[in-house]
C-alpha atoms as a PDB file:
ATOM      1  CA  MET A   1      22.718  -0.232  -0.377  1.00  0.00           C
ATOM      2  CA  ARG A   2      24.066  -2.681  -2.923  1.00  0.00           C
ATOM      3  CA  GLU A   3      20.184  -4.065  -3.553  1.00  0.00           C
ATOM      4  CA  VAL A   4      19.088  -0.626  -3.397  1.00  0.00           C
ATOM      5  CA  TRP A   5      21.610   0.204  -6.316  1.00  0.00           C
ATOM      6  CA  ILE A   6      19.911  -3.237  -7.941  1.00  0.00           C
ATOM      7  CA  SER A   7      16.733  -2.432  -7.609  1.00  0.00           C
ATOM      8  CA  ASN A   8      16.691   1.059  -8.994  1.00  0.00           C
ATOM      9  CA  LEU A   9      19.045   0.101 -12.087  1.00  0.00           C
ATOM     10  CA  ALA A  10      16.444  -2.838 -12.590  1.00  0.00           C
ATOM     11  CA  VAL A  11      13.622  -0.525 -12.487  1.00  0.00           C
ATOM     12  CA  ALA A  12      15.199   1.868 -14.925  1.00  0.00           C
ATOM     13  CA  ALA A  13      16.194  -0.946 -17.347  1.00  0.00           C
ATOM     14  CA  ASP A  14      12.317  -1.673 -17.349  1.00  0.00           C
ATOM     15  CA  THR A  15      11.681   2.039 -17.544  1.00  0.00           C
ATOM     16  CA  LEU A  16      13.814   2.022 -20.314  1.00  0.00           C
ATOM     17  CA  LYS A  17      12.158  -0.685 -22.235  1.00  0.00           C
ATOM     18  CA  HIS A  18       8.450   0.729 -21.818  1.00  0.00           C
ATOM     19  CA  SER A  19       9.909   3.668 -22.639  1.00  0.00           C
ATOM     20  CA  GLY A  20      11.179   2.922 -26.376  1.00  0.00           C
ATOM     21  CA  ALA A  21       7.771   0.897 -27.045  1.00  0.00           C
ATOM     22  CA  SER A  22       5.986   3.913 -26.007  1.00  0.00           C
ATOM     23  CA  HIS A  23       7.849   5.952 -28.637  1.00  0.00           C
ATOM     24  CA  GLY A  24       7.303   3.450 -31.106  1.00  0.00           C
ATOM     25  CA  GLY A  25       3.730   4.618 -31.284  1.00  0.00           C
ATOM     26  CA  GLY A  26       1.774   3.383 -28.699  1.00  0.00           C
ATOM     27  CA  GLU A  27       1.008   5.140 -25.438  1.00  0.00           C
ATOM     28  CA  SER A  28       3.043   6.594 -22.765  1.00  0.00           C
ATOM     29  CA  SER A  29       1.001   7.441 -20.305  1.00  0.00           C
ATOM     30  CA  ASP A  30       1.060   3.856 -18.321  1.00  0.00           C
ATOM     31  CA  TRP A  31       4.319   3.156 -18.479  1.00  0.00           C
ATOM     32  CA  MET A  32       4.367   4.121 -14.822  1.00  0.00           C
ATOM     33  CA  LEU A  33       1.488   2.279 -13.404  1.00  0.00           C
ATOM     34  CA  HIS A  34       3.057  -1.072 -15.075  1.00  0.00           C
ATOM     35  CA  HIS A  35       5.569  -1.375 -12.481  1.00  0.00           C
ATOM     36  CA  ILE A  36       3.014  -0.986  -9.477  1.00  0.00           C
ATOM     37  CA  SER A  37       0.297  -2.825 -10.890  1.00  0.00           C
ATOM     38  CA  ASP A  38      -0.855  -6.254 -10.257  1.00  0.00           C
ATOM     39  CA  SER A  39       0.175  -8.567 -13.539  1.00  0.00           C
ATOM     40  CA  ARG A  40       0.821 -12.178 -14.368  1.00  0.00           C
ATOM     41  CA  THR A  41       4.179 -11.975 -14.830  1.00  0.00           C
ATOM     42  CA  ILE A  42       7.160 -11.615 -12.581  1.00  0.00           C
ATOM     43  CA  ASP A  43       9.508  -8.875 -14.133  1.00  0.00           C
ATOM     44  CA  LEU A  44      13.525  -9.673 -14.147  1.00  0.00           C
ATOM     45  CA  GLU A  45      14.576  -7.208 -16.575  1.00  0.00           C
ATOM     46  CA  PRO A  46      17.205  -7.082 -18.084  1.00  0.00           C
ATOM     47  CA  PHE A  47      17.269 -10.958 -17.801  1.00  0.00           C
ATOM     48  CA  GLY A  48      13.617 -11.343 -19.292  1.00  0.00           C
ATOM     49  CA  HIS A  49      10.329 -12.521 -17.307  1.00  0.00           C
ATOM     50  CA  ILE A  50       8.339 -15.682 -15.656  1.00  0.00           C
ATOM     51  CA  THR A  51       5.019 -15.951 -16.662  1.00  0.00           C
ATOM     52  CA  LEU A  52       2.831 -17.237 -13.695  1.00  0.00           C
ATOM     53  CA  PRO A  53       0.343 -20.376 -14.243  1.00  0.00           C
ATOM     54  CA  GLN A  54      -3.174 -19.290 -15.238  1.00  0.00           C
ATOM     55  CA  PHE A  55      -5.844 -21.412 -14.382  1.00  0.00           C
ATOM     56  CA  PRO A  56      -9.155 -21.141 -16.818  1.00  0.00           C
ATOM     57  CA  PRO A  57     -11.688 -19.131 -14.733  1.00  0.00           C
ATOM     58  CA  ILE A  58     -14.867 -20.537 -12.495  1.00  0.00           C
ATOM     59  CA  HIS A  59     -18.315 -19.652 -13.509  1.00  0.00           C
ATOM     60  CA  ILE A  60     -21.088 -19.979 -10.336  1.00  0.00           C
ATOM     61  CA  GLY A  61     -24.377 -18.507 -11.725  1.00  0.00           C
ATOM     62  CA  GLY A  62     -23.330 -14.956 -12.972  1.00  0.00           C
ATOM     63  CA  ILE A  63     -19.943 -14.833 -11.128  1.00  0.00           C
ATOM     64  CA  THR A  64     -17.054 -15.290 -12.694  1.00  0.00           C
ATOM     65  CA  ILE A  65     -14.106 -16.339 -10.192  1.00  0.00           C
ATOM     66  CA  ASP A  66     -10.247 -16.214 -11.860  1.00  0.00           C
ATOM     67  CA  LEU A  67      -8.119 -18.139  -9.514  1.00  0.00           C
ATOM     68  CA  SER A  68      -4.957 -17.762 -11.744  1.00  0.00           C
ATOM     69  CA  ILE A  69      -1.793 -17.058  -9.740  1.00  0.00           C
ATOM     70  CA  THR A  70      -0.528 -13.398  -9.822  1.00  0.00           C
ATOM     71  CA  LYS A  71       2.169 -11.094  -9.152  1.00  0.00           C
ATOM     72  CA  HIS A  72       1.117  -9.959  -5.855  1.00  0.00           C
ATOM     73  CA  VAL A  73      -0.482 -13.023  -4.790  1.00  0.00           C
ATOM     74  CA  PHE A  74       2.833 -14.883  -5.459  1.00  0.00           C
ATOM     75  CA  PHE A  75       4.213 -12.700  -3.219  1.00  0.00           C
ATOM     76  CA  MET A  76       1.512 -13.134  -0.516  1.00  0.00           C
ATOM     77  CA  TRP A  77       2.241 -16.832  -0.493  1.00  0.00           C
ATOM     78  CA  LEU A  78       6.477 -16.437  -0.394  1.00  0.00           C
ATOM     79  CA  VAL A  79       5.781 -14.243   2.757  1.00  0.00           C
ATOM     80  CA  SER A  80       3.231 -16.750   4.208  1.00  0.00           C
ATOM     81  CA  ILE A  81       5.955 -19.553   3.427  1.00  0.00           C
ATOM     82  CA  ILE A  82       8.562 -17.405   5.179  1.00  0.00           C
ATOM     83  CA  LEU A  83       6.531 -16.534   8.013  1.00  0.00           C
ATOM     84  CA  ILE A  84       5.572 -19.845   8.901  1.00  0.00           C
ATOM     85  CA  VAL A  85       9.009 -21.048   8.560  1.00  0.00           C
ATOM     86  CA  VAL A  86      10.959 -18.500  10.270  1.00  0.00           C
ATOM     87  CA  LEU A  87       8.061 -17.871  13.133  1.00  0.00           C
ATOM     88  CA  SER A  88       7.954 -22.126  13.972  1.00  0.00           C
ATOM     89  CA  LEU A  89      12.013 -21.842  14.046  1.00  0.00           C
ATOM     90  CA  VAL A  90      11.463 -19.296  16.727  1.00  0.00           C
ATOM     91  CA  ALA A  91       8.966 -21.291  18.494  1.00  0.00           C
ATOM     92  CA  ARG A  92      10.992 -24.064  18.276  1.00  0.00           C
ATOM     93  CA  SER A  93      14.147 -22.151  19.833  1.00  0.00           C
ATOM     94  CA  TYR A  94      12.014 -21.829  22.957  1.00  0.00           C
ATOM     95  CA  ARG A  95      11.437 -25.170  23.718  1.00  0.00           C
ATOM     96  CA  ARG A  96      15.200 -25.544  24.067  1.00  0.00           C
ATOM     97  CA  SER A  97      15.869 -22.142  25.843  1.00  0.00           C
ATOM     98  CA  VAL A  98      13.560 -19.823  27.615  1.00  0.00           C
ATOM     99  CA  VAL A  99      16.378 -17.024  27.088  1.00  0.00           C
ATOM    100  CA  PRO A 100      16.089 -15.741  23.511  1.00  0.00           C
ATOM    101  CA  HIS A 101      19.130 -15.964  20.890  1.00  0.00           C
ATOM    102  CA  GLY A 102      19.516 -14.910  17.212  1.00  0.00           C
ATOM    103  CA  LEU A 103      16.723 -14.454  15.515  1.00  0.00           C
ATOM    104  CA  ALA A 104      14.317 -15.232  18.486  1.00  0.00           C
ATOM    105  CA  ASN A 105      15.771 -11.784  19.978  1.00  0.00           C
ATOM    106  CA  LEU A 106      14.413  -9.702  17.440  1.00  0.00           C
ATOM    107  CA  VAL A 107      11.236 -11.073  16.898  1.00  0.00           C
ATOM    108  CA  GLU A 108      10.689 -11.363  20.397  1.00  0.00           C
ATOM    109  CA  VAL A 109      11.258  -7.136  20.589  1.00  0.00           C
ATOM    110  CA  PHE A 110       8.431  -7.122  18.129  1.00  0.00           C
ATOM    111  CA  VAL A 111       6.351  -9.457  20.026  1.00  0.00           C
ATOM    112  CA  VAL A 112       6.756  -7.751  23.162  1.00  0.00           C
ATOM    113  CA  PHE A 113       6.042  -4.500  21.637  1.00  0.00           C
ATOM    114  CA  ILE A 114       3.146  -5.262  20.234  1.00  0.00           C
ATOM    115  CA  ARG A 115       1.682  -6.721  23.116  1.00  0.00           C
ATOM    116  CA  ASP A 116       2.804  -4.167  25.695  1.00  0.00           C
ATOM    117  CA  GLU A 117       2.273  -1.021  24.013  1.00  0.00           C
ATOM    118  CA  ILE A 118      -0.531  -1.636  21.448  1.00  0.00           C
ATOM    119  CA  ILE A 119      -2.583  -4.311  22.936  1.00  0.00           C
ATOM    120  CA  LEU A 120      -2.350  -3.522  26.571  1.00  0.00           C
ATOM    121  CA  SER A 121      -2.314  -0.077  26.461  1.00  0.00           C
ATOM    122  CA  VAL A 122      -5.443   0.165  23.253  1.00  0.00           C
ATOM    123  CA  ILE A 123      -7.382  -2.864  24.876  1.00  0.00           C
ATOM    124  CA  GLY A 124      -6.773  -4.240  28.001  1.00  0.00           C
ATOM    125  CA  LYS A 125      -6.086  -7.401  29.267  1.00  0.00           C
ATOM    126  CA  GLU A 126      -9.070  -8.641  27.286  1.00  0.00           C
ATOM    127  CA  GLY A 127      -7.199  -7.847  24.047  1.00  0.00           C
ATOM    128  CA  LEU A 128      -4.483 -10.698  24.961  1.00  0.00           C
ATOM    129  CA  ARG A 129      -6.827 -13.400  23.810  1.00  0.00           C
ATOM    130  CA  TYR A 130      -6.549 -11.428  20.082  1.00  0.00           C
ATOM    131  CA  LEU A 131      -2.884 -11.480  20.363  1.00  0.00           C
ATOM    132  CA  HIS A 132      -2.089 -13.955  17.596  1.00  0.00           C
ATOM    133  CA  TYR A 133      -4.357 -11.992  15.272  1.00  0.00           C
ATOM    134  CA  PHE A 134      -2.529  -8.857  15.814  1.00  0.00           C
ATOM    135  CA  LEU A 135       1.101 -10.350  15.535  1.00  0.00           C
ATOM    136  CA  THR A 136       0.216 -12.552  12.176  1.00  0.00           C
ATOM    137  CA  LEU A 137      -0.955  -9.135  10.682  1.00  0.00           C
ATOM    138  CA  PHE A 138       1.620  -7.004  11.812  1.00  0.00           C
ATOM    139  CA  PHE A 139       4.437  -9.386  10.562  1.00  0.00           C
ATOM    140  CA  PHE A 140       2.515 -10.073   7.345  1.00  0.00           C
ATOM    141  CA  ILE A 141       2.066  -6.460   6.581  1.00  0.00           C
ATOM    142  CA  LEU A 142       6.062  -5.409   7.522  1.00  0.00           C
ATOM    143  CA  LEU A 143       7.095  -8.177   5.114  1.00  0.00           C
ATOM    144  CA  CYS A 144       4.733  -7.526   2.172  1.00  0.00           C
ATOM    145  CA  ASN A 145       5.573  -3.939   2.607  1.00  0.00           C
ATOM    146  CA  LEU A 146       9.603  -4.811   2.716  1.00  0.00           C
ATOM    147  CA  PHE A 147       9.054  -7.391  -0.068  1.00  0.00           C
ATOM    148  CA  GLY A 148       8.406  -4.147  -2.654  1.00  0.00           C
ATOM    149  CA  LEU A 149      12.004  -2.526  -1.875  1.00  0.00           C
ATOM    150  CA  ILE A 150      13.984  -5.712  -2.930  1.00  0.00           C
ATOM    151  CA  PRO A 151      15.018  -6.185  -6.280  1.00  0.00           C
ATOM    152  CA  TYR A 152      12.607  -7.819  -8.564  1.00  0.00           C
ATOM    153  CA  GLY A 153       9.835  -7.753  -5.642  1.00  0.00           C
ATOM    154  CA  ALA A 154       6.269  -6.626  -5.620  1.00  0.00           C
ATOM    155  CA  THR A 155       4.586  -4.507  -2.812  1.00  0.00           C
ATOM    156  CA  ALA A 156       1.149  -7.005  -2.239  1.00  0.00           C
ATOM    157  CA  THR A 157      -0.129  -4.215   0.453  1.00  0.00           C
ATOM    158  CA  GLY A 158      -0.001  -1.485  -2.917  1.00  0.00           C
ATOM    159  CA  ASN A 159      -3.272  -3.646  -4.451  1.00  0.00           C
ATOM    160  CA  LEU A 160      -6.999  -2.575  -3.171  1.00  0.00           C
ATOM    161  CA  ALA A 161      -8.071  -6.349  -3.196  1.00  0.00           C
ATOM    162  CA  VAL A 162      -5.020  -7.238  -0.629  1.00  0.00           C
ATOM    163  CA  THR A 163      -5.246  -4.324   1.561  1.00  0.00           C
ATOM    164  CA  GLY A 164      -9.333  -4.538   1.827  1.00  0.00           C
ATOM    165  CA  GLY A 165      -9.443  -8.481   2.583  1.00  0.00           C
ATOM    166  CA  LEU A 166      -6.955  -7.301   5.850  1.00  0.00           C
ATOM    167  CA  ALA A 167      -9.170  -4.692   6.268  1.00  0.00           C
ATOM    168  CA  PHE A 168     -12.226  -7.047   5.518  1.00  0.00           C
ATOM    169  CA  LEU A 169     -10.761  -9.611   8.380  1.00  0.00           C
ATOM    170  CA  SER A 170     -10.163  -6.639  10.633  1.00  0.00           C
ATOM    171  CA  PHE A 171     -13.595  -5.690  10.482  1.00  0.00           C
ATOM    172  CA  ILE A 172     -14.644  -9.390  11.377  1.00  0.00           C
ATOM    173  CA  LEU A 173     -12.648  -9.556  14.392  1.00  0.00           C
ATOM    174  CA  ILE A 174     -13.914  -6.159  16.017  1.00  0.00           C
ATOM    175  CA  GLN A 175     -18.161  -7.301  15.476  1.00  0.00           C
ATOM    176  CA  ILE A 176     -16.804 -10.768  17.476  1.00  0.00           C
ATOM    177  CA  ALA A 177     -14.900  -9.032  20.172  1.00  0.00           C
ATOM    178  CA  GLY A 178     -18.108  -6.443  20.542  1.00  0.00           C
ATOM    179  CA  ILE A 179     -20.242  -9.403  20.045  1.00  0.00           C
ATOM    180  CA  ARG A 180     -18.492 -11.969  22.702  1.00  0.00           C
ATOM    181  CA  LYS A 181     -18.418  -8.999  25.453  1.00  0.00           C
ATOM    182  CA  HIS A 182     -21.702  -7.509  24.968  1.00  0.00           C
ATOM    183  CA  GLY A 183     -23.766  -9.719  23.360  1.00  0.00           C
ATOM    184  CA  LEU A 184     -25.235  -9.022  20.337  1.00  0.00           C
ATOM    185  CA  ILE A 185     -28.254  -6.833  20.926  1.00  0.00           C
ATOM    186  CA  GLY A 186     -26.316  -5.431  23.299  1.00  0.00           C
ATOM    187  CA  TYR A 187     -23.591  -4.425  21.151  1.00  0.00           C
ATOM    188  CA  TYR A 188     -25.157  -2.762  18.393  1.00  0.00           C
ATOM    189  CA  LYS A 189     -27.590  -0.952  21.077  1.00  0.00           C
ATOM    190  CA  GLY A 190     -24.507   0.443  22.930  1.00  0.00           C
ATOM    191  CA  LEU A 191     -23.311   2.067  19.612  1.00  0.00           C
ATOM    192  CA  VAL A 192     -25.864   4.970  20.451  1.00  0.00           C
ATOM    193  CA  PRO A 193     -24.693   6.870  23.369  1.00  0.00           C
ATOM    194  CA  HIS A 194     -26.154   6.598  26.714  1.00  0.00           C
ATOM    195  CA  GLY A 195     -28.661  10.130  27.344  1.00  0.00           C
ATOM    196  CA  VAL A 196     -29.205  10.766  23.778  1.00  0.00           C
ATOM    197  CA  PRO A 197     -32.416  12.334  22.738  1.00  0.00           C
ATOM    198  CA  ALA A 198     -35.230   9.543  21.504  1.00  0.00           C
ATOM    199  CA  PHE A 199     -35.944  11.317  18.219  1.00  0.00           C
ATOM    200  CA  VAL A 200     -32.004  11.732  17.539  1.00  0.00           C
ATOM    201  CA  ALA A 201     -31.058   7.926  18.590  1.00  0.00           C
ATOM    202  CA  PRO A 202     -32.363   6.309  15.182  1.00  0.00           C
ATOM    203  CA  VAL A 203     -29.867   9.041  13.044  1.00  0.00           C
ATOM    204  CA  MET A 204     -27.108   8.534  15.380  1.00  0.00           C
ATOM    205  CA  PHE A 205     -27.358   4.624  15.138  1.00  0.00           C
ATOM    206  CA  ILE A 206     -27.409   5.099  11.691  1.00  0.00           C
ATOM    207  CA  VAL A 207     -24.182   7.030  11.845  1.00  0.00           C
ATOM    208  CA  GLU A 208     -22.375   5.172  13.954  1.00  0.00           C
ATOM    209  CA  PHE A 209     -23.585   1.598  12.238  1.00  0.00           C
ATOM    210  CA  LEU A 210     -21.990   3.174   9.186  1.00  0.00           C
ATOM    211  CA  GLY A 211     -19.410   4.655  11.062  1.00  0.00           C
ATOM    212  CA  LEU A 212     -18.447   0.076  11.638  1.00  0.00           C
ATOM    213  CA  PHE A 213     -17.868   0.129   7.765  1.00  0.00           C
ATOM    214  CA  ALA A 214     -16.050   3.712   7.002  1.00  0.00           C
ATOM    215  CA  LYS A 215     -13.340   1.890   9.700  1.00  0.00           C
ATOM    216  CA  ALA A 216     -12.738  -0.669   7.385  1.00  0.00           C
ATOM    217  CA  PHE A 217     -12.060   1.546   4.578  1.00  0.00           C
ATOM    218  CA  ALA A 218      -9.832   4.098   5.937  1.00  0.00           C
ATOM    219  CA  LEU A 219      -7.922   1.261   6.458  1.00  0.00           C
ATOM    220  CA  THR A 220      -8.075  -0.323   3.242  1.00  0.00           C
ATOM    221  CA  VAL A 221      -7.064   3.142   1.484  1.00  0.00           C
ATOM    222  CA  ARG A 222      -4.691   4.117   3.968  1.00  0.00           C
ATOM    223  CA  LEU A 223      -2.358   1.274   3.270  1.00  0.00           C
ATOM    224  CA  PHE A 224      -2.370   0.874   0.120  1.00  0.00           C
ATOM    225  CA  ALA A 225      -2.436   4.866  -0.930  1.00  0.00           C
ATOM    226  CA  ASN A 226       0.790   4.723   1.681  1.00  0.00           C
ATOM    227  CA  MET A 227       2.213   2.123   0.084  1.00  0.00           C
ATOM    228  CA  THR A 228       1.637   3.123  -3.685  1.00  0.00           C
ATOM    229  CA  ALA A 229       2.673   6.701  -3.108  1.00  0.00           C
ATOM    230  CA  GLY A 230       6.317   5.840  -2.078  1.00  0.00           C
ATOM    231  CA  HIS A 231       6.906   3.725  -5.294  1.00  0.00           C
ATOM    232  CA  ILE A 232       4.867   6.607  -7.302  1.00  0.00           C
ATOM    233  CA  VAL A 233       7.805   9.148  -6.105  1.00  0.00           C
ATOM    234  CA  ILE A 234      10.566   6.987  -6.868  1.00  0.00           C
ATOM    235  CA  LEU A 235       9.460   5.808 -10.376  1.00  0.00           C
ATOM    236  CA  ALA A 236       8.795   9.567 -11.295  1.00  0.00           C
ATOM    237  CA  LEU A 237      12.357  10.284 -10.242  1.00  0.00           C
ATOM    238  CA  ILE A 238      13.996   7.714 -11.986  1.00  0.00           C
ATOM    239  CA  GLY A 239      11.696   8.501 -14.986  1.00  0.00           C
ATOM    240  CA  LEU A 240      12.779  12.092 -15.291  1.00  0.00           C
ATOM    241  CA  ILE A 241      16.212  10.461 -16.806  1.00  0.00           C
ATOM    242  CA  PHE A 242      14.396   9.474 -19.669  1.00  0.00           C
ATOM    243  CA  VAL A 243      11.753  12.928 -19.734  1.00  0.00           C
ATOM    244  CA  PHE A 244      15.284  14.639 -19.980  1.00  0.00           C
ATOM    245  CA  LYS A 245      16.269  12.411 -22.434  1.00  0.00           C
ATOM    246  CA  SER A 246      20.320  13.007 -20.768  1.00  0.00           C
ATOM    247  CA  VAL A 247      22.478  11.243 -18.389  1.00  0.00           C
ATOM    248  CA  LEU A 248      23.194  14.508 -16.141  1.00  0.00           C
ATOM    249  CA  VAL A 249      20.392  14.368 -14.574  1.00  0.00           C
ATOM    250  CA  ALA A 250      20.932  10.593 -13.683  1.00  0.00           C
ATOM    251  CA  PRO A 251      23.109  11.279 -10.865  1.00  0.00           C
ATOM    252  CA  ILE A 252      20.193  13.451  -8.978  1.00  0.00           C
ATOM    253  CA  SER A 253      17.323  11.061  -9.702  1.00  0.00           C
ATOM    254  CA  ILE A 254      19.192   7.965  -8.487  1.00  0.00           C
ATOM    255  CA  ALA A 255      20.574   9.755  -5.723  1.00  0.00           C
ATOM    256  CA  PHE A 256      16.829  11.111  -4.359  1.00  0.00           C
ATOM    257  CA  ALA A 257      15.275   7.436  -5.685  1.00  0.00           C
ATOM    258  CA  ILE A 258      18.048   6.407  -3.714  1.00  0.00           C
ATOM    259  CA  PHE A 259      17.060   8.712  -0.453  1.00  0.00           C
ATOM    260  CA  ILE A 260      13.180   7.522  -0.840  1.00  0.00           C
ATOM    261  CA  ASN A 261      13.741   3.809  -0.872  1.00  0.00           C
ATOM    262  CA  PHE A 262      15.831   4.427   2.568  1.00  0.00           C
ATOM    263  CA  LEU A 263      12.629   6.094   3.489  1.00  0.00           C
ATOM    264  CA  GLU A 264      10.386   3.339   2.311  1.00  0.00           C
ATOM    265  CA  ILE A 265      11.956   0.981   4.935  1.00  0.00           C
ATOM    266  CA  LEU A 266      10.853   3.166   7.432  1.00  0.00           C
ATOM    267  CA  VAL A 267       7.162   4.324   5.945  1.00  0.00           C
ATOM    268  CA  ALA A 268       6.910  -0.255   5.838  1.00  0.00           C
ATOM    269  CA  PHE A 269       7.473  -0.340   9.395  1.00  0.00           C
ATOM    270  CA  ILE A 270       5.817   2.612  10.339  1.00  0.00           C
ATOM    271  CA  GLN A 271       2.481   1.468   8.270  1.00  0.00           C
ATOM    272  CA  ALA A 272       2.344  -2.016   9.525  1.00  0.00           C
ATOM    273  CA  TYR A 273       2.385  -0.638  13.243  1.00  0.00           C
ATOM    274  CA  ILE A 274      -0.498   1.623  12.104  1.00  0.00           C
ATOM    275  CA  PHE A 275      -2.855  -0.496  10.576  1.00  0.00           C
ATOM    276  CA  THR A 276      -2.091  -2.929  13.710  1.00  0.00           C
ATOM    277  CA  MET A 277      -2.843  -0.385  16.323  1.00  0.00           C
ATOM    278  CA  LEU A 278      -5.717   1.146  14.676  1.00  0.00           C
ATOM    279  CA  THR A 279      -7.588  -2.243  14.329  1.00  0.00           C
ATOM    280  CA  ALA A 280      -6.681  -2.568  18.134  1.00  0.00           C
ATOM    281  CA  LEU A 281      -8.292   0.809  18.307  1.00  0.00           C
ATOM    282  CA  PHE A 282     -11.185  -0.087  16.858  1.00  0.00           C
ATOM    283  CA  VAL A 283     -11.359  -3.722  18.810  1.00  0.00           C
ATOM    284  CA  GLY A 284     -11.172  -1.468  21.814  1.00  0.00           C
ATOM    285  CA  LEU A 285     -13.876   0.544  21.126  1.00  0.00           C
ATOM    286  CA  SER A 286     -16.013  -2.268  20.590  1.00  0.00           C
ATOM    287  CA  ILE A 287     -15.306  -3.677  23.424  1.00  0.00           C
ATOM    288  CA  HIS A 288     -15.332  -0.454  25.335  1.00  0.00           C
ATOM    289  CA  GLN A 289     -18.148   0.898  24.209  1.00  0.00           C
ATOM    290  CA  HIS A 290     -18.202   3.641  26.927  1.00  0.00           C
END
């Protein structure tokens, strides 16, 4: 509860700063995007900000690659380090005792749930060979989602480049699983159901082939939209204080913002589950084409 209050107060302080700047002659329409978009600084309002390291862009042919560290990159690295450390400690605890205790017991709940309720129920025993990928996917997305709810944190999964990258990895896994099961020709031949008339088969193949990319696109947009929407609602509620320019609105705005914050915790778990489950579903469809 205390962290939620601190988070909302930090957002309110930063919003007041940008609101004041906009009334000084600038545009006021971008104050909300300031909070949810990527940036090269980590805002610690009202204590200042941290400027992240920047590197000169790399030019390869006509392509420019910028490897500078941004806010979302920083939090993805932080999430990765935390997962490596925590899960390594959990794995080490199993060497001492096969009976989980403490943190290992909590992690095992998620591992068993993903294995039994997602992998085995959707893909079958053939999906166990990809269990490590689904566990990594779930824990990474979950932690990235939760980091956007802590004070001064950022939601990396609210970035299309991040969700697109995750969807691309899932797309590659879907193709690998199907080709491993049916062979290269057999997999793409299986996109067209048996018994389809010959004159319809070319159209069906094109539709099903485009559907492979549509699945990855759906994964990208679904996670991005859901993680961005909640933050926009919270910012809009806090922004009402400055729209009406009255402290009388503050108790109502903050109360609803806190409620949405707690709802966002639930959404963080649900979206990590949905992305993992849909990826497993698509892998299952590529393996069991019938």
